[in-house]
Amino acid sequence: MAILTMVLDAFGLFTAAAAAWFWYLSGKRRLRRVSRFEELNYADLNRIVTAFNRAATLNRQAAKAAAASAAALMLRFAADLAAQF
């Protein structure tokens, strides 16, 4: 049972670190500000949409890693509780 809790702890820590890294990467990229006097062309719109899509993908990956971390830690506490009975 001790090995199971150590594995779940390690998995929880790894996935929490992965979530933090994905959110760091998502927040690191800045969008270029657009002035209301500026005329946008298709290349500008393509860059804006691509930046939004990349940020959304990184946020999805971070949310999945955070959910995996929470699940691993929940299973670890459940294994700890089961070991008491």
C-alpha atoms as a PDB file:
ATOM      1  CA  MET A   1       0.000   0.000   0.000  1.00  0.00           C
ATOM      2  CA  ALA A   2       2.931   2.342   0.643  1.00  0.00           C
ATOM      3  CA  ILE A   3       4.114   1.973  -2.963  1.00  0.00           C
ATOM      4  CA  LEU A   4       0.651   2.895  -4.249  1.00  0.00           C
ATOM      5  CA  THR A   5       0.557   6.081  -2.190  1.00  0.00           C
ATOM      6  CA  MET A   6       4.076   7.028  -3.314  1.00  0.00           C
ATOM      7  CA  VAL A   7       3.135   6.490  -6.976  1.00  0.00           C
ATOM      8  CA  LEU A   8      -0.061   8.527  -6.595  1.00  0.00           C
ATOM      9  CA  ASP A   9       1.864  11.308  -4.825  1.00  0.00           C
ATOM     10  CA  ALA A  10       4.467  11.400  -7.592  1.00  0.00           C
ATOM     11  CA  PHE A  11       1.790  11.417 -10.301  1.00  0.00           C
ATOM     12  CA  GLY A  12      -0.086  14.212  -8.515  1.00  0.00           C
ATOM     13  CA  LEU A  13       3.051  16.330  -8.240  1.00  0.00           C
ATOM     14  CA  PHE A  14       4.028  15.697 -11.870  1.00  0.00           C
ATOM     15  CA  THR A  15       0.610  16.610 -13.261  1.00  0.00           C
ATOM     16  CA  ALA A  16       0.382  19.711 -11.045  1.00  0.00           C
ATOM     17  CA  ALA A  17       3.751  20.846 -12.401  1.00  0.00           C
ATOM     18  CA  ALA A  18       2.585  20.142 -15.959  1.00  0.00           C
ATOM     19  CA  ALA A  19      -0.559  22.231 -15.409  1.00  0.00           C
ATOM     20  CA  ALA A  20       1.516  25.122 -14.066  1.00  0.00           C
ATOM     21  CA  TRP A  21       3.864  24.891 -17.056  1.00  0.00           C
ATOM     22  CA  PHE A  22       1.005  24.878 -19.592  1.00  0.00           C
ATOM     23  CA  TRP A  23      -0.613  27.900 -17.940  1.00  0.00           C
ATOM     24  CA  TYR A  24       2.743  29.666 -17.898  1.00  0.00           C
ATOM     25  CA  LEU A  25       3.154  29.041 -21.629  1.00  0.00           C
ATOM     26  CA  SER A  26      -0.392  30.206 -22.292  1.00  0.00           C
ATOM     27  CA  GLY A  27       0.083  33.465 -20.426  1.00  0.00           C
ATOM     28  CA  LYS A  28       3.551  34.096 -21.836  1.00  0.00           C
ATOM     29  CA  ARG A  29       2.347  34.885 -25.338  1.00  0.00           C
ATOM     30  CA  ARG A  30       0.869  38.339 -25.753  1.00  0.00           C
ATOM     31  CA  LEU A  31      -1.557  39.368 -28.430  1.00  0.00           C
ATOM     32  CA  ARG A  32      -0.687  42.365 -30.535  1.00  0.00           C
ATOM     33  CA  ARG A  33      -2.941  45.295 -29.733  1.00  0.00           C
ATOM     34  CA  VAL A  34      -4.984  46.593 -32.629  1.00  0.00           C
ATOM     35  CA  SER A  35      -5.805  50.270 -32.952  1.00  0.00           C
ATOM     36  CA  ARG A  36      -9.269  51.286 -34.072  1.00  0.00           C
ATOM     37  CA  PHE A  37      -7.641  53.408 -36.782  1.00  0.00           C
ATOM     38  CA  GLU A  38      -5.742  50.444 -38.188  1.00  0.00           C
ATOM     39  CA  GLU A  39      -7.092  48.581 -41.169  1.00  0.00           C
ATOM     40  CA  LEU A  40      -6.950  44.834 -40.730  1.00  0.00           C
ATOM     41  CA  ASN A  41      -6.206  42.484 -43.565  1.00  0.00           C
ATOM     42  CA  TYR A  42      -6.547  38.695 -43.755  1.00  0.00           C
ATOM     43  CA  ALA A  43      -3.001  38.093 -42.517  1.00  0.00           C
ATOM     44  CA  ASP A  44      -3.681  40.143 -39.368  1.00  0.00           C
ATOM     45  CA  LEU A  45      -6.910  38.280 -38.699  1.00  0.00           C
ATOM     46  CA  ASN A  46      -5.156  34.969 -39.266  1.00  0.00           C
ATOM     47  CA  ARG A  47      -2.461  35.861 -36.698  1.00  0.00           C
ATOM     48  CA  ILE A  48      -5.088  36.909 -34.153  1.00  0.00           C
ATOM     49  CA  VAL A  49      -7.170  33.753 -34.602  1.00  0.00           C
ATOM     50  CA  THR A  50      -4.058  31.560 -34.460  1.00  0.00           C
ATOM     51  CA  ALA A  51      -2.952  33.218 -31.205  1.00  0.00           C
ATOM     52  CA  PHE A  52      -6.391  32.667 -29.652  1.00  0.00           C
ATOM     53  CA  ASN A  53      -6.403  29.029 -30.762  1.00  0.00           C
ATOM     54  CA  ARG A  54      -2.940  28.351 -29.352  1.00  0.00           C
ATOM     55  CA  ALA A  55      -3.832  29.941 -26.023  1.00  0.00           C
ATOM     56  CA  ALA A  56      -7.069  27.945 -25.872  1.00  0.00           C
ATOM     57  CA  THR A  57      -5.203  24.704 -26.608  1.00  0.00           C
ATOM     58  CA  LEU A  58      -2.648  25.373 -23.855  1.00  0.00           C
ATOM     59  CA  ASN A  59      -5.446  26.262 -21.419  1.00  0.00           C
ATOM     60  CA  ARG A  60      -7.233  22.991 -22.268  1.00  0.00           C
ATOM     61  CA  GLN A  61      -4.043  21.012 -21.673  1.00  0.00           C
ATOM     62  CA  ALA A  62      -3.469  22.797 -18.366  1.00  0.00           C
ATOM     63  CA  ALA A  63      -7.032  22.096 -17.250  1.00  0.00           C
ATOM     64  CA  LYS A  64      -6.643  18.399 -18.115  1.00  0.00           C
ATOM     65  CA  ALA A  65      -3.362  18.207 -16.187  1.00  0.00           C
ATOM     66  CA  ALA A  66      -4.937  19.944 -13.190  1.00  0.00           C
ATOM     67  CA  ALA A  67      -7.867  17.502 -13.297  1.00  0.00           C
ATOM     68  CA  ALA A  68      -5.459  14.547 -13.470  1.00  0.00           C
ATOM     69  CA  SER A  69      -3.545  15.946 -10.503  1.00  0.00           C
ATOM     70  CA  ALA A  70      -6.729  16.347  -8.479  1.00  0.00           C
ATOM     71  CA  ALA A  71      -7.822  12.810  -9.388  1.00  0.00           C
ATOM     72  CA  ALA A  72      -4.435  11.352  -8.403  1.00  0.00           C
ATOM     73  CA  LEU A  73      -4.453  13.125  -5.064  1.00  0.00           C
ATOM     74  CA  MET A  74      -8.074  12.096  -4.473  1.00  0.00           C
ATOM     75  CA  LEU A  75      -7.138   8.454  -5.150  1.00  0.00           C
ATOM     76  CA  ARG A  76      -4.153   8.808  -2.832  1.00  0.00           C
ATOM     77  CA  PHE A  77      -6.349  10.053   0.008  1.00  0.00           C
ATOM     78  CA  ALA A  78      -8.854   7.288  -0.735  1.00  0.00           C
ATOM     79  CA  ALA A  79      -6.063   4.677  -0.579  1.00  0.00           C
ATOM     80  CA  ASP A  80      -4.877   6.184   2.701  1.00  0.00           C
ATOM     81  CA  LEU A  81      -8.396   6.050   4.093  1.00  0.00           C
ATOM     82  CA  ALA A  82      -8.909   2.465   2.913  1.00  0.00           C
ATOM     83  CA  ALA A  83      -5.657   1.415   4.580  1.00  0.00           C
ATOM     84  CA  GLN A  84      -6.991   2.601   7.939  1.00  0.00           C
ATOM     85  CA  PHE A  85      -9.918   0.160   7.846  1.00  0.00           C
END
